[in-house]
Amino acid sequence: MANVLENQLAAVASVIEKQLDDQLDRLENLDTDDLKAIREQRMKEMRELNQKKQEWLKNGHGVYTELADEKEFFEVSKKSPNIVCHFYRDSTERCRIVDMHLKILAGKHVEAKFCKVNAEKSPFLTQRLRIKVIPTIALIKDSKTKDFIVGFTDLGNCDDFSTDMLEWRIAQSGAIDYKGDLMTPPDVKKRAYINRPKKTIRGGYDSDDSDIDFDD
């Protein structure tokens, strides 16, 4: 069995090595026209990204804002498919901790709309999304509620979690772009979250891919 496994690993390594060699050969043999095409494609991608950023900023991305009411939430949802929405209550101290981190992340991730909603002033929306614990962060990707961060359990179950830790947890939903390792949380010394269930348990509610009817 050990020999079979070694042979399989050797075969895989050989294939990967050949693929890398082929890629290096192609790069070494690029002519002027190839380099020009690559450069033009890269410039096109940069222009498209810049246009997207301008549109995001126009729709209020880049800053962490409070939504006035449920109507504004649905208006934002029509313009911004990727949303990080904090449901808060004035009397809850932990909500101020969430505010501090989300203000930082809003400026870093303009691809998503960062906002907050007063749960007590938005009973219809709070009930519809089955918000039971404050603070709760709703993570919306491509106009679907993909996940919820309920309290601080997923963040190490402590109040002094880092902004990087919250960023990593939000990125699990795909609502923001993340260049780090999604498999490894940045706060490696805090292990309480490692055995987190794949789907957040919220009174039996499965939050994955839940639709929000934006026409309401």
C-alpha atoms as a PDB file:
ATOM      1  CA  MET A   1       0.000   0.000   0.000  1.00  0.00           C
ATOM      2  CA  ALA A   2       2.827   2.393   0.878  1.00  0.00           C
ATOM      3  CA  ASN A   3       4.558   1.720  -2.433  1.00  0.00           C
ATOM      4  CA  VAL A   4       1.337   2.308  -4.358  1.00  0.00           C
ATOM      5  CA  LEU A   5       0.812   5.635  -2.581  1.00  0.00           C
ATOM      6  CA  GLU A   6       4.405   6.674  -3.247  1.00  0.00           C
ATOM      7  CA  ASN A   7       4.015   5.833  -6.921  1.00  0.00           C
ATOM      8  CA  GLN A   8       0.781   7.832  -7.138  1.00  0.00           C
ATOM      9  CA  LEU A   9       2.385  10.848  -5.478  1.00  0.00           C
ATOM     10  CA  ALA A  10       5.379  10.574  -7.767  1.00  0.00           C
ATOM     11  CA  ALA A  11       3.100  10.442 -10.804  1.00  0.00           C
ATOM     12  CA  VAL A  12       1.180  13.522  -9.653  1.00  0.00           C
ATOM     13  CA  ALA A  13       4.425  15.385  -8.966  1.00  0.00           C
ATOM     14  CA  SER A  14       5.675  14.459 -12.427  1.00  0.00           C
ATOM     15  CA  VAL A  15       2.521  15.821 -14.080  1.00  0.00           C
ATOM     16  CA  ILE A  16       2.697  19.066 -12.110  1.00  0.00           C
ATOM     17  CA  GLU A  17       6.390  19.461 -12.948  1.00  0.00           C
ATOM     18  CA  LYS A  18       5.679  18.952 -16.653  1.00  0.00           C
ATOM     19  CA  GLN A  19       2.857  21.516 -16.536  1.00  0.00           C
ATOM     20  CA  LEU A  20       5.195  24.051 -14.922  1.00  0.00           C
ATOM     21  CA  ASP A  21       7.882  23.325 -17.513  1.00  0.00           C
ATOM     22  CA  ASP A  22       5.368  23.822 -20.320  1.00  0.00           C
ATOM     23  CA  GLN A  23       4.241  27.151 -18.849  1.00  0.00           C
ATOM     24  CA  LEU A  24       7.848  28.326 -18.512  1.00  0.00           C
ATOM     25  CA  ASP A  25       8.540  27.319 -22.117  1.00  0.00           C
ATOM     26  CA  ARG A  26       5.531  29.304 -23.319  1.00  0.00           C
ATOM     27  CA  LEU A  27       6.645  32.355 -21.352  1.00  0.00           C
ATOM     28  CA  GLU A  28      10.186  32.109 -22.690  1.00  0.00           C
ATOM     29  CA  ASN A  29       8.943  31.803 -26.263  1.00  0.00           C
ATOM     30  CA  LEU A  30       6.528  34.734 -26.191  1.00  0.00           C
ATOM     31  CA  ASP A  31       7.090  37.131 -29.041  1.00  0.00           C
ATOM     32  CA  THR A  32       6.365  40.844 -29.201  1.00  0.00           C
ATOM     33  CA  ASP A  33       2.788  40.308 -30.378  1.00  0.00           C
ATOM     34  CA  ASP A  34       2.088  37.902 -27.514  1.00  0.00           C
ATOM     35  CA  LEU A  35       3.412  40.357 -24.941  1.00  0.00           C
ATOM     36  CA  LYS A  36       1.375  43.145 -26.502  1.00  0.00           C
ATOM     37  CA  ALA A  37      -1.800  41.029 -26.332  1.00  0.00           C
ATOM     38  CA  ILE A  38      -1.157  40.177 -22.683  1.00  0.00           C
ATOM     39  CA  ARG A  39      -0.521  43.832 -21.861  1.00  0.00           C
ATOM     40  CA  GLU A  40      -3.700  44.947 -23.671  1.00  0.00           C
ATOM     41  CA  GLN A  41      -5.759  42.301 -21.887  1.00  0.00           C
ATOM     42  CA  ARG A  42      -4.357  43.419 -18.540  1.00  0.00           C
ATOM     43  CA  MET A  43      -5.121  47.061 -19.320  1.00  0.00           C
ATOM     44  CA  LYS A  44      -8.664  46.118 -20.321  1.00  0.00           C
ATOM     45  CA  GLU A  45      -9.156  44.285 -17.022  1.00  0.00           C
ATOM     46  CA  MET A  46      -7.821  47.282 -15.089  1.00  0.00           C
ATOM     47  CA  ARG A  47     -10.169  49.669 -16.917  1.00  0.00           C
ATOM     48  CA  GLU A  48     -13.144  47.403 -16.215  1.00  0.00           C
ATOM     49  CA  LEU A  49     -12.188  47.165 -12.542  1.00  0.00           C
ATOM     50  CA  ASN A  50     -11.845  50.929 -12.321  1.00  0.00           C
ATOM     51  CA  GLN A  51     -15.306  51.356 -13.857  1.00  0.00           C
ATOM     52  CA  LYS A  52     -16.719  48.920 -11.312  1.00  0.00           C
ATOM     53  CA  LYS A  53     -15.051  50.834  -8.461  1.00  0.00           C
ATOM     54  CA  GLN A  54     -16.542  54.101  -9.686  1.00  0.00           C
ATOM     55  CA  GLU A  55     -19.982  52.488  -9.776  1.00  0.00           C
ATOM     56  CA  TRP A  56     -19.512  51.034  -6.296  1.00  0.00           C
ATOM     57  CA  LEU A  57     -18.477  54.398  -4.873  1.00  0.00           C
ATOM     58  CA  LYS A  58     -21.459  56.031  -6.579  1.00  0.00           C
ATOM     59  CA  ASN A  59     -23.718  53.542  -4.770  1.00  0.00           C
ATOM     60  CA  GLY A  60     -22.258  54.436  -1.383  1.00  0.00           C
ATOM     61  CA  HIS A  61     -19.592  51.776  -1.078  1.00  0.00           C
ATOM     62  CA  GLY A  62     -16.346  52.566   0.716  1.00  0.00           C
ATOM     63  CA  VAL A  63     -18.026  53.911   3.846  1.00  0.00           C
ATOM     64  CA  TYR A  64     -19.935  52.284   6.694  1.00  0.00           C
ATOM     65  CA  THR A  65     -23.401  53.832   6.919  1.00  0.00           C
ATOM     66  CA  GLU A  66     -26.626  53.377   8.815  1.00  0.00           C
ATOM     67  CA  LEU A  67     -29.755  52.679   6.807  1.00  0.00           C
ATOM     68  CA  ALA A  68     -32.722  54.772   7.831  1.00  0.00           C
ATOM     69  CA  ASP A  69     -35.375  52.079   7.475  1.00  0.00           C
ATOM     70  CA  GLU A  70     -36.367  48.835   5.815  1.00  0.00           C
ATOM     71  CA  LYS A  71     -37.264  50.606   2.575  1.00  0.00           C
ATOM     72  CA  GLU A  72     -33.698  51.885   2.259  1.00  0.00           C
ATOM     73  CA  PHE A  73     -32.372  48.381   2.866  1.00  0.00           C
ATOM     74  CA  PHE A  74     -34.301  47.034  -0.110  1.00  0.00           C
ATOM     75  CA  GLU A  75     -33.201  49.999  -2.236  1.00  0.00           C
ATOM     76  CA  VAL A  76     -29.563  49.307  -1.370  1.00  0.00           C
ATOM     77  CA  SER A  77     -30.083  45.624  -2.126  1.00  0.00           C
ATOM     78  CA  LYS A  78     -31.157  46.440  -5.681  1.00  0.00           C
ATOM     79  CA  LYS A  79     -27.975  48.433  -6.326  1.00  0.00           C
ATOM     80  CA  SER A  80     -25.434  46.381  -4.393  1.00  0.00           C
ATOM     81  CA  PRO A  81     -25.489  42.598  -4.804  1.00  0.00           C
ATOM     82  CA  ASN A  82     -22.793  42.184  -2.134  1.00  0.00           C
ATOM     83  CA  ILE A  83     -23.782  43.526   1.277  1.00  0.00           C
ATOM     84  CA  VAL A  84     -22.418  43.248   4.816  1.00  0.00           C
ATOM     85  CA  CYS A  85     -25.255  44.383   7.089  1.00  0.00           C
ATOM     86  CA  HIS A  86     -24.922  44.687  10.860  1.00  0.00           C
ATOM     87  CA  PHE A  87     -28.168  44.371  12.820  1.00  0.00           C
ATOM     88  CA  TYR A  88     -27.602  46.264  16.054  1.00  0.00           C
ATOM     89  CA  ARG A  89     -29.256  47.674  19.147  1.00  0.00           C
ATOM     90  CA  ASP A  90     -28.123  50.856  20.923  1.00  0.00           C
ATOM     91  CA  SER A  91     -28.071  49.185  24.317  1.00  0.00           C
ATOM     92  CA  THR A  92     -25.757  46.363  23.236  1.00  0.00           C
ATOM     93  CA  GLU A  93     -22.103  47.163  23.910  1.00  0.00           C
ATOM     94  CA  ARG A  94     -20.810  44.522  21.529  1.00  0.00           C
ATOM     95  CA  CYS A  95     -22.465  46.336  18.634  1.00  0.00           C
ATOM     96  CA  ARG A  96     -19.986  49.190  19.104  1.00  0.00           C
ATOM     97  CA  ILE A  97     -17.144  46.697  18.753  1.00  0.00           C
ATOM     98  CA  VAL A  98     -18.624  45.507  15.456  1.00  0.00           C
ATOM     99  CA  ASP A  99     -19.001  49.132  14.303  1.00  0.00           C
ATOM    100  CA  MET A 100     -15.319  49.788  14.911  1.00  0.00           C
ATOM    101  CA  HIS A 101     -14.200  46.880  12.738  1.00  0.00           C
ATOM    102  CA  LEU A 102     -16.733  47.395   9.950  1.00  0.00           C
ATOM    103  CA  LYS A 103     -15.716  51.044   9.546  1.00  0.00           C
ATOM    104  CA  ILE A 104     -12.193  49.855   8.762  1.00  0.00           C
ATOM    105  CA  LEU A 105     -13.293  47.073   6.423  1.00  0.00           C
ATOM    106  CA  ALA A 106     -15.711  49.307   4.499  1.00  0.00           C
ATOM    107  CA  GLY A 107     -12.833  51.433   3.233  1.00  0.00           C
ATOM    108  CA  LYS A 108     -10.763  48.375   2.400  1.00  0.00           C
ATOM    109  CA  HIS A 109     -13.456  46.448   0.515  1.00  0.00           C
ATOM    110  CA  VAL A 110     -15.300  48.806  -1.804  1.00  0.00           C
ATOM    111  CA  GLU A 111     -16.682  45.793  -3.690  1.00  0.00           C
ATOM    112  CA  ALA A 112     -19.308  45.369  -0.951  1.00  0.00           C
ATOM    113  CA  LYS A 113     -21.751  47.723   0.742  1.00  0.00           C
ATOM    114  CA  PHE A 114     -21.141  47.889   4.500  1.00  0.00           C
ATOM    115  CA  CYS A 115     -24.120  49.124   6.471  1.00  0.00           C
ATOM    116  CA  LYS A 116     -26.073  48.687   9.679  1.00  0.00           C
ATOM    117  CA  VAL A 117     -29.742  48.496  10.618  1.00  0.00           C
ATOM    118  CA  ASN A 118     -31.351  49.203  13.973  1.00  0.00           C
ATOM    119  CA  ALA A 119     -33.111  45.913  14.689  1.00  0.00           C
ATOM    120  CA  GLU A 120     -35.676  47.559  16.985  1.00  0.00           C
ATOM    121  CA  LYS A 121     -36.705  50.033  14.279  1.00  0.00           C
ATOM    122  CA  SER A 122     -36.893  47.402  11.523  1.00  0.00           C
ATOM    123  CA  PRO A 123     -39.088  44.618  12.954  1.00  0.00           C
ATOM    124  CA  PHE A 124     -40.310  43.345   9.568  1.00  0.00           C
ATOM    125  CA  LEU A 125     -36.808  42.906   8.167  1.00  0.00           C
ATOM    126  CA  THR A 126     -35.437  41.523  11.427  1.00  0.00           C
ATOM    127  CA  GLN A 127     -38.205  38.940  11.601  1.00  0.00           C
ATOM    128  CA  ARG A 128     -37.944  38.077   7.922  1.00  0.00           C
ATOM    129  CA  LEU A 129     -34.232  37.324   8.229  1.00  0.00           C
ATOM    130  CA  ARG A 130     -34.860  35.578  11.564  1.00  0.00           C
ATOM    131  CA  ILE A 131     -32.471  37.793  13.498  1.00  0.00           C
ATOM    132  CA  LYS A 132     -32.608  36.554  17.082  1.00  0.00           C
ATOM    133  CA  VAL A 133     -29.202  37.492  18.516  1.00  0.00           C
ATOM    134  CA  ILE A 134     -27.687  40.983  18.607  1.00  0.00           C
ATOM    135  CA  PRO A 135     -25.239  41.717  17.108  1.00  0.00           C
ATOM    136  CA  THR A 136     -25.830  39.699  13.941  1.00  0.00           C
ATOM    137  CA  ILE A 137     -24.129  40.438  10.620  1.00  0.00           C
ATOM    138  CA  ALA A 138     -26.044  39.368   7.511  1.00  0.00           C
ATOM    139  CA  LEU A 139     -23.781  38.470   4.582  1.00  0.00           C
ATOM    140  CA  ILE A 140     -25.362  38.864   1.168  1.00  0.00           C
ATOM    141  CA  LYS A 141     -23.690  37.653  -2.021  1.00  0.00           C
ATOM    142  CA  ASP A 142     -25.256  38.136  -5.460  1.00  0.00           C
ATOM    143  CA  SER A 143     -28.527  39.224  -3.855  1.00  0.00           C
ATOM    144  CA  LYS A 144     -28.831  36.104  -1.705  1.00  0.00           C
ATOM    145  CA  THR A 145     -28.293  35.856   2.043  1.00  0.00           C
ATOM    146  CA  LYS A 146     -25.388  33.431   2.150  1.00  0.00           C
ATOM    147  CA  ASP A 147     -24.561  33.432   5.841  1.00  0.00           C
ATOM    148  CA  PHE A 148     -24.891  35.136   9.226  1.00  0.00           C
ATOM    149  CA  ILE A 149     -22.277  35.964  11.841  1.00  0.00           C
ATOM    150  CA  VAL A 150     -24.246  35.550  15.054  1.00  0.00           C
ATOM    151  CA  GLY A 151     -22.675  37.156  18.101  1.00  0.00           C
ATOM    152  CA  PHE A 152     -18.939  36.572  18.514  1.00  0.00           C
ATOM    153  CA  THR A 153     -18.890  32.762  18.590  1.00  0.00           C
ATOM    154  CA  ASP A 154     -17.306  32.476  15.140  1.00  0.00           C
ATOM    155  CA  LEU A 155     -14.751  35.165  15.996  1.00  0.00           C
ATOM    156  CA  GLY A 156     -13.021  33.335  18.829  1.00  0.00           C
ATOM    157  CA  ASN A 157     -15.848  33.884  21.339  1.00  0.00           C
ATOM    158  CA  CYS A 158     -14.104  36.958  22.740  1.00  0.00           C
ATOM    159  CA  ASP A 159     -14.491  40.749  22.525  1.00  0.00           C
ATOM    160  CA  ASP A 160     -10.916  41.496  21.486  1.00  0.00           C
ATOM    161  CA  PHE A 161     -10.911  39.698  18.125  1.00  0.00           C
ATOM    162  CA  SER A 162      -8.984  41.451  15.363  1.00  0.00           C
ATOM    163  CA  THR A 163     -10.318  43.239  12.304  1.00  0.00           C
ATOM    164  CA  ASP A 164      -8.451  40.646  10.251  1.00  0.00           C
ATOM    165  CA  MET A 165     -10.418  37.907  11.975  1.00  0.00           C
ATOM    166  CA  LEU A 166     -13.749  39.519  11.120  1.00  0.00           C
ATOM    167  CA  GLU A 167     -12.562  40.111   7.552  1.00  0.00           C
ATOM    168  CA  TRP A 168     -11.642  36.430   7.226  1.00  0.00           C
ATOM    169  CA  ARG A 169     -15.026  35.330   8.606  1.00  0.00           C
ATOM    170  CA  ILE A 170     -16.942  37.654   6.259  1.00  0.00           C
ATOM    171  CA  ALA A 171     -14.911  36.342   3.329  1.00  0.00           C
ATOM    172  CA  GLN A 172     -16.222  32.826   4.001  1.00  0.00           C
ATOM    173  CA  SER A 173     -19.505  33.959   2.425  1.00  0.00           C
ATOM    174  CA  GLY A 174     -17.876  35.346  -0.713  1.00  0.00           C
ATOM    175  CA  ALA A 175     -19.363  38.790  -0.060  1.00  0.00           C
ATOM    176  CA  ILE A 176     -15.896  40.373  -0.195  1.00  0.00           C
ATOM    177  CA  ASP A 177     -12.707  39.648  -2.131  1.00  0.00           C
ATOM    178  CA  TYR A 178     -10.053  38.031   0.042  1.00  0.00           C
ATOM    179  CA  LYS A 179      -6.431  37.451  -0.865  1.00  0.00           C
ATOM    180  CA  GLY A 180      -5.505  35.451   2.212  1.00  0.00           C
ATOM    181  CA  ASP A 181      -5.958  31.796   3.110  1.00  0.00           C
ATOM    182  CA  LEU A 182      -9.633  31.064   3.645  1.00  0.00           C
ATOM    183  CA  MET A 183      -8.743  27.771   5.306  1.00  0.00           C
ATOM    184  CA  THR A 184      -6.655  29.336   8.066  1.00  0.00           C
ATOM    185  CA  PRO A 185      -8.072  32.027  10.392  1.00  0.00           C
ATOM    186  CA  PRO A 186      -5.653  34.867  11.173  1.00  0.00           C
ATOM    187  CA  ASP A 187      -6.164  34.680  14.943  1.00  0.00           C
ATOM    188  CA  VAL A 188      -4.531  31.259  15.106  1.00  0.00           C
ATOM    189  CA  LYS A 189      -4.166  31.311  18.893  1.00  0.00           C
ATOM    190  CA  LYS A 190      -7.919  31.383  19.430  1.00  0.00           C
ATOM    191  CA  ARG A 191      -9.316  27.971  18.654  1.00  0.00           C
ATOM    192  CA  ALA A 192     -12.937  28.215  19.792  1.00  0.00           C
ATOM    193  CA  TYR A 193     -14.201  28.695  16.232  1.00  0.00           C
ATOM    194  CA  ILE A 194     -12.354  25.835  14.510  1.00  0.00           C
ATOM    195  CA  ASN A 195     -15.102  23.268  15.010  1.00  0.00           C
ATOM    196  CA  ARG A 196     -17.765  25.718  13.834  1.00  0.00           C
ATOM    197  CA  PRO A 197     -20.577  23.907  11.972  1.00  0.00           C
ATOM    198  CA  LYS A 198     -20.704  24.570   8.258  1.00  0.00           C
ATOM    199  CA  LYS A 199     -24.177  26.069   8.520  1.00  0.00           C
ATOM    200  CA  THR A 200     -24.965  28.488  11.311  1.00  0.00           C
ATOM    201  CA  ILE A 201     -27.605  27.054  13.618  1.00  0.00           C
ATOM    202  CA  ARG A 202     -30.265  29.656  14.252  1.00  0.00           C
ATOM    203  CA  GLY A 203     -33.310  27.909  15.626  1.00  0.00           C
ATOM    204  CA  GLY A 204     -33.216  25.420  12.761  1.00  0.00           C
ATOM    205  CA  TYR A 205     -32.810  28.135  10.117  1.00  0.00           C
ATOM    206  CA  ASP A 206     -30.535  27.289   7.214  1.00  0.00           C
ATOM    207  CA  SER A 207     -29.081  30.588   6.057  1.00  0.00           C
ATOM    208  CA  ASP A 208     -27.362  29.325   2.907  1.00  0.00           C
ATOM    209  CA  ASP A 209     -28.620  30.772  -0.371  1.00  0.00           C
ATOM    210  CA  SER A 210     -31.801  32.264   1.080  1.00  0.00           C
ATOM    211  CA  ASP A 211     -33.586  34.550  -1.356  1.00  0.00           C
ATOM    212  CA  ILE A 212     -34.593  38.083  -0.488  1.00  0.00           C
ATOM    213  CA  ASP A 213     -37.474  39.428  -2.541  1.00  0.00           C
ATOM    214  CA  PHE A 214     -36.229  42.920  -3.407  1.00  0.00           C
ATOM    215  CA  ASP A 215     -39.549  43.931  -4.922  1.00  0.00           C
ATOM    216  CA  ASP A 216     -41.258  44.126  -1.537  1.00  0.00           C
END
